N, C-alpha and C. Protein backbone atom coordinates (compact mmCIF):
# COMPACT_ATOMS: atom_id res chain seq x y z
N MET A 1 119.81 109.82 92.13
CA MET A 1 119.80 108.75 93.07
C MET A 1 119.77 107.40 92.35
N GLN A 2 120.55 106.52 92.82
CA GLN A 2 120.64 105.20 92.21
C GLN A 2 119.48 104.30 92.52
N ASN A 3 118.76 104.61 93.61
CA ASN A 3 117.64 103.73 93.98
C ASN A 3 116.28 104.28 93.60
N TYR A 4 116.21 105.39 92.86
CA TYR A 4 114.96 105.97 92.39
C TYR A 4 114.39 105.13 91.24
N ASN A 5 113.08 104.81 91.33
CA ASN A 5 112.45 103.99 90.31
C ASN A 5 111.52 104.78 89.37
N SER A 6 110.58 105.53 89.98
CA SER A 6 109.58 106.25 89.19
C SER A 6 108.80 107.24 90.07
N LYS A 7 107.96 108.03 89.44
CA LYS A 7 107.08 108.93 90.24
C LYS A 7 106.00 108.18 90.95
N GLY A 8 105.68 106.97 90.52
CA GLY A 8 104.69 106.15 91.22
C GLY A 8 103.31 106.34 90.73
N GLY A 9 103.08 107.08 89.67
CA GLY A 9 101.74 107.30 89.18
C GLY A 9 101.16 106.08 88.52
N THR A 10 102.00 105.24 87.96
CA THR A 10 101.60 103.96 87.34
C THR A 10 102.57 102.92 87.83
N LEU A 11 102.01 101.85 88.39
CA LEU A 11 102.81 100.72 88.93
C LEU A 11 102.62 99.52 88.06
N GLN A 12 103.68 98.73 87.93
CA GLN A 12 103.60 97.41 87.28
C GLN A 12 103.44 96.38 88.42
N LEU A 13 102.32 95.69 88.43
CA LEU A 13 102.01 94.75 89.50
C LEU A 13 101.60 93.42 88.91
N THR A 14 101.36 92.46 89.80
CA THR A 14 100.87 91.13 89.43
C THR A 14 99.39 91.02 89.79
N ALA A 15 98.57 90.65 88.83
CA ALA A 15 97.13 90.60 89.03
C ALA A 15 96.79 89.54 90.09
N PRO A 16 95.88 89.85 91.01
CA PRO A 16 95.53 88.92 92.06
C PRO A 16 94.59 87.83 91.50
N ALA A 17 94.24 86.89 92.38
CA ALA A 17 93.30 85.84 92.04
C ALA A 17 92.02 86.47 91.44
N GLY A 18 91.53 85.97 90.34
CA GLY A 18 90.36 86.52 89.69
C GLY A 18 90.71 87.58 88.64
N GLY A 19 91.97 88.00 88.63
CA GLY A 19 92.47 88.96 87.61
C GLY A 19 91.90 90.37 87.88
N VAL A 20 92.12 91.26 86.94
CA VAL A 20 91.65 92.64 87.01
C VAL A 20 90.97 93.04 85.69
N VAL A 21 90.11 94.01 85.77
CA VAL A 21 89.41 94.51 84.58
C VAL A 21 89.82 95.91 84.35
N GLY A 22 90.27 96.21 83.12
CA GLY A 22 90.65 97.57 82.78
C GLY A 22 89.54 98.56 83.03
N GLY A 23 89.88 99.66 83.75
CA GLY A 23 88.93 100.67 84.05
C GLY A 23 88.15 100.49 85.31
N SER A 24 88.28 99.29 85.94
CA SER A 24 87.53 99.01 87.21
C SER A 24 88.50 99.10 88.39
N PRO A 25 88.25 99.98 89.34
CA PRO A 25 89.14 100.16 90.46
C PRO A 25 89.44 98.83 91.19
N VAL A 26 90.65 98.77 91.73
CA VAL A 26 91.04 97.55 92.47
C VAL A 26 91.98 97.92 93.61
N GLN A 27 91.86 97.16 94.68
CA GLN A 27 92.81 97.27 95.82
C GLN A 27 93.70 96.07 95.78
N ILE A 28 95.01 96.33 95.90
CA ILE A 28 96.00 95.27 95.94
C ILE A 28 96.64 95.27 97.31
N GLY A 29 96.50 94.14 98.04
CA GLY A 29 97.05 94.08 99.37
C GLY A 29 96.30 95.04 100.31
N ALA A 30 97.01 95.51 101.35
CA ALA A 30 96.36 96.40 102.30
C ALA A 30 96.38 97.85 101.94
N GLY A 31 97.22 98.29 100.99
CA GLY A 31 97.33 99.71 100.81
C GLY A 31 97.56 100.23 99.41
N ILE A 32 97.53 99.39 98.37
CA ILE A 32 97.69 99.89 97.00
C ILE A 32 96.31 99.95 96.36
N PHE A 33 96.01 101.09 95.74
CA PHE A 33 94.69 101.23 95.12
C PHE A 33 94.90 101.99 93.79
N GLY A 34 94.11 101.60 92.80
CA GLY A 34 94.18 102.30 91.54
C GLY A 34 93.24 101.69 90.51
N VAL A 35 93.45 102.13 89.29
CA VAL A 35 92.60 101.67 88.17
C VAL A 35 93.50 101.03 87.13
N PRO A 36 93.26 99.73 86.84
CA PRO A 36 94.03 99.03 85.82
C PRO A 36 93.85 99.65 84.42
N VAL A 37 94.93 99.67 83.66
CA VAL A 37 94.86 100.22 82.30
C VAL A 37 94.13 99.22 81.39
N ALA A 38 94.31 97.93 81.61
CA ALA A 38 93.74 96.91 80.75
C ALA A 38 93.43 95.68 81.56
N ASN A 39 92.65 94.75 80.96
CA ASN A 39 92.39 93.47 81.62
C ASN A 39 93.65 92.68 81.84
N ALA A 40 93.74 91.89 82.90
CA ALA A 40 94.84 91.00 83.11
C ALA A 40 94.35 89.79 83.90
N ALA A 41 94.78 88.60 83.50
CA ALA A 41 94.47 87.36 84.17
C ALA A 41 95.28 87.26 85.45
N ALA A 42 94.79 86.45 86.41
CA ALA A 42 95.51 86.23 87.64
C ALA A 42 96.93 85.82 87.34
N GLY A 43 97.89 86.44 88.05
CA GLY A 43 99.30 86.13 87.88
C GLY A 43 100.00 86.88 86.80
N ASP A 44 99.24 87.54 85.91
CA ASP A 44 99.85 88.34 84.82
C ASP A 44 100.27 89.71 85.32
N SER A 45 101.27 90.28 84.68
CA SER A 45 101.66 91.67 85.02
C SER A 45 100.64 92.64 84.40
N PHE A 46 100.38 93.74 85.10
CA PHE A 46 99.47 94.75 84.60
C PHE A 46 99.89 96.11 85.11
N SER A 47 99.42 97.15 84.42
CA SER A 47 99.72 98.54 84.83
C SER A 47 98.54 99.07 85.60
N LEU A 48 98.85 99.66 86.80
CA LEU A 48 97.82 100.22 87.66
C LEU A 48 98.09 101.71 87.83
N VAL A 49 97.14 102.54 87.41
CA VAL A 49 97.25 103.99 87.58
C VAL A 49 96.80 104.30 89.01
N THR A 50 97.70 104.92 89.78
CA THR A 50 97.44 105.13 91.23
C THR A 50 97.10 106.57 91.57
N LYS A 51 97.08 107.45 90.61
CA LYS A 51 96.64 108.83 90.89
C LYS A 51 96.14 109.50 89.61
N GLY A 52 95.13 110.33 89.84
CA GLY A 52 94.48 111.02 88.72
C GLY A 52 93.00 111.18 89.00
N VAL A 53 92.28 111.80 88.06
CA VAL A 53 90.86 112.03 88.18
C VAL A 53 90.15 111.03 87.26
N PHE A 54 89.17 110.36 87.82
CA PHE A 54 88.43 109.34 87.10
C PHE A 54 86.93 109.62 87.21
N SER A 55 86.20 109.44 86.10
CA SER A 55 84.75 109.60 86.10
C SER A 55 84.14 108.20 86.08
N ASP A 56 82.88 108.16 86.45
CA ASP A 56 82.08 106.89 86.40
C ASP A 56 82.71 105.75 87.21
N VAL A 57 83.25 106.08 88.38
CA VAL A 57 83.78 105.02 89.26
C VAL A 57 82.60 104.55 90.14
N PRO A 58 82.59 103.28 90.48
CA PRO A 58 81.45 102.75 91.26
C PRO A 58 81.34 103.47 92.61
N LYS A 59 80.11 103.84 92.96
CA LYS A 59 79.82 104.59 94.17
C LYS A 59 78.77 103.87 95.01
N ALA A 60 78.96 103.83 96.30
CA ALA A 60 77.97 103.26 97.18
C ALA A 60 76.73 104.14 97.18
N THR A 61 75.54 103.54 97.02
CA THR A 61 74.33 104.35 97.07
C THR A 61 73.95 104.57 98.54
N GLY A 62 73.13 105.54 98.78
CA GLY A 62 72.68 105.83 100.15
C GLY A 62 73.27 107.02 100.78
N ALA A 63 74.33 107.62 100.18
CA ALA A 63 74.95 108.80 100.71
C ALA A 63 75.38 109.70 99.53
N ALA A 64 75.07 110.98 99.63
CA ALA A 64 75.48 111.93 98.60
C ALA A 64 76.91 112.32 98.80
N TRP A 65 77.59 112.71 97.71
CA TRP A 65 78.93 113.27 97.78
C TRP A 65 78.88 114.75 97.48
N ALA A 66 79.76 115.52 98.17
CA ALA A 66 79.95 116.90 97.86
C ALA A 66 81.42 117.04 97.40
N GLU A 67 81.72 118.04 96.59
CA GLU A 67 83.10 118.24 96.15
C GLU A 67 84.01 118.30 97.39
N GLY A 68 85.11 117.54 97.31
CA GLY A 68 86.08 117.58 98.39
C GLY A 68 85.84 116.55 99.48
N ASP A 69 84.71 115.82 99.45
CA ASP A 69 84.51 114.77 100.48
C ASP A 69 85.60 113.72 100.33
N TYR A 70 86.13 113.26 101.47
CA TYR A 70 87.05 112.10 101.46
C TYR A 70 86.29 110.90 100.98
N LEU A 71 86.97 110.04 100.23
CA LEU A 71 86.37 108.83 99.69
C LEU A 71 87.24 107.65 100.11
N TYR A 72 86.59 106.56 100.38
CA TYR A 72 87.22 105.31 100.85
C TYR A 72 86.80 104.16 99.97
N TRP A 73 87.71 103.20 99.80
CA TRP A 73 87.39 102.05 98.98
C TRP A 73 86.85 100.92 99.90
N ASP A 74 85.64 100.43 99.61
CA ASP A 74 85.05 99.31 100.31
C ASP A 74 85.43 98.08 99.46
N ASN A 75 86.41 97.38 99.91
CA ASN A 75 86.92 96.25 99.13
C ASN A 75 85.96 95.03 99.09
N THR A 76 85.02 95.02 99.97
CA THR A 76 83.99 93.97 99.93
C THR A 76 82.93 94.30 98.92
N ALA A 77 82.41 95.53 98.94
CA ALA A 77 81.34 95.93 98.05
C ALA A 77 81.92 96.37 96.67
N LYS A 78 83.26 96.63 96.62
CA LYS A 78 83.94 97.04 95.37
C LYS A 78 83.38 98.42 94.91
N ASN A 79 83.28 99.39 95.86
CA ASN A 79 82.83 100.72 95.43
C ASN A 79 83.44 101.75 96.41
N LEU A 80 83.35 103.01 95.99
CA LEU A 80 83.77 104.15 96.79
C LEU A 80 82.63 104.55 97.73
N THR A 81 83.03 104.93 98.94
CA THR A 81 82.06 105.30 99.97
C THR A 81 82.63 106.43 100.82
N LYS A 82 81.77 107.07 101.54
CA LYS A 82 82.25 108.07 102.51
C LYS A 82 82.50 107.42 103.89
N THR A 83 82.26 106.12 104.01
CA THR A 83 82.45 105.44 105.27
C THR A 83 83.90 105.04 105.47
N ALA A 84 84.50 105.59 106.52
CA ALA A 84 85.92 105.34 106.77
C ALA A 84 86.19 104.00 107.45
N THR A 85 85.28 103.56 108.31
CA THR A 85 85.51 102.33 109.10
C THR A 85 85.75 101.13 108.23
N ASN A 86 86.91 100.47 108.46
CA ASN A 86 87.28 99.25 107.74
C ASN A 86 87.54 99.42 106.24
N ASN A 87 87.71 100.70 105.80
CA ASN A 87 87.95 100.96 104.41
C ASN A 87 89.21 101.78 104.22
N LEU A 88 89.81 101.72 103.04
CA LEU A 88 91.05 102.40 102.69
C LEU A 88 90.72 103.76 102.12
N ARG A 89 91.28 104.86 102.68
CA ARG A 89 91.08 106.16 102.11
C ARG A 89 91.87 106.28 100.85
N VAL A 90 91.18 106.62 99.73
CA VAL A 90 91.84 106.60 98.41
C VAL A 90 91.81 107.89 97.65
N GLY A 91 90.97 108.85 98.11
CA GLY A 91 90.89 110.12 97.35
C GLY A 91 89.79 111.01 97.83
N VAL A 92 89.35 111.89 96.92
CA VAL A 92 88.27 112.89 97.20
C VAL A 92 87.30 112.96 96.03
N ALA A 93 86.08 113.34 96.35
CA ALA A 93 85.09 113.57 95.32
C ALA A 93 85.45 114.86 94.58
N VAL A 94 85.30 114.86 93.26
CA VAL A 94 85.61 116.07 92.47
C VAL A 94 84.31 116.71 91.93
N SER A 95 83.19 116.07 92.16
CA SER A 95 81.90 116.66 91.83
C SER A 95 80.84 116.07 92.72
N ALA A 96 79.74 116.77 92.86
CA ALA A 96 78.65 116.28 93.66
C ALA A 96 78.01 115.07 93.05
N ALA A 97 77.52 114.16 93.88
CA ALA A 97 76.82 112.96 93.41
C ALA A 97 75.64 112.73 94.35
N ALA A 98 74.48 112.42 93.80
CA ALA A 98 73.26 112.20 94.62
C ALA A 98 73.36 110.86 95.32
N SER A 99 72.60 110.74 96.41
CA SER A 99 72.63 109.52 97.21
C SER A 99 72.25 108.28 96.40
N GLY A 100 71.41 108.42 95.42
CA GLY A 100 70.99 107.27 94.57
C GLY A 100 71.91 106.94 93.44
N ASP A 101 72.93 107.80 93.19
CA ASP A 101 73.83 107.54 92.07
C ASP A 101 74.68 106.34 92.32
N ALA A 102 74.91 105.53 91.27
CA ALA A 102 75.75 104.35 91.37
C ALA A 102 77.19 104.60 90.93
N VAL A 103 77.44 105.76 90.35
CA VAL A 103 78.82 106.17 89.91
C VAL A 103 79.05 107.62 90.31
N GLY A 104 80.33 107.98 90.37
CA GLY A 104 80.72 109.34 90.71
C GLY A 104 82.07 109.66 90.06
N ALA A 105 82.54 110.90 90.31
CA ALA A 105 83.85 111.29 89.80
C ALA A 105 84.76 111.51 91.01
N ALA A 106 86.00 110.99 90.94
CA ALA A 106 86.90 111.08 92.06
C ALA A 106 88.33 111.31 91.64
N LYS A 107 89.06 112.05 92.46
CA LYS A 107 90.53 112.14 92.32
C LYS A 107 91.10 111.10 93.25
N ILE A 108 91.83 110.16 92.71
CA ILE A 108 92.45 109.15 93.56
C ILE A 108 93.94 109.52 93.72
N GLY A 109 94.50 109.06 94.79
CA GLY A 109 95.90 109.34 95.11
C GLY A 109 95.99 110.02 96.42
N PRO A 110 97.16 110.46 96.79
CA PRO A 110 97.39 111.12 98.09
C PRO A 110 96.42 112.27 98.33
N VAL A 111 95.91 112.32 99.57
CA VAL A 111 94.99 113.42 99.95
C VAL A 111 95.49 114.02 101.25
N VAL A 112 95.26 115.27 101.46
CA VAL A 112 95.69 115.97 102.65
C VAL A 112 94.69 115.70 103.78
N GLY A 113 95.17 115.50 104.99
CA GLY A 113 94.31 115.37 106.15
C GLY A 113 94.29 114.07 106.82
């Protein structure tokens, strides 16, 4: 196909206002989510990994995760949560996490359901 670009696992994007921090999840616009490979200042090009398994991602406290729970990105609090309302579904939990945990492990990318 002449119009095929890539598998989409890593995207080259422009860092938003405030820039991005390598290893810290970020939402771009209404529907792109991933983990930057490296730091980038606002307006600079950066690589965003949009699928894969990541450990130690920021997690909302107050709710436990079980393996397979749907996870959503709270773009205001900048963490993963099980709360769907007003948040972008970005993946699933790959291991249990206690309600008091501040980080968890997640598979980000397309999810069934």
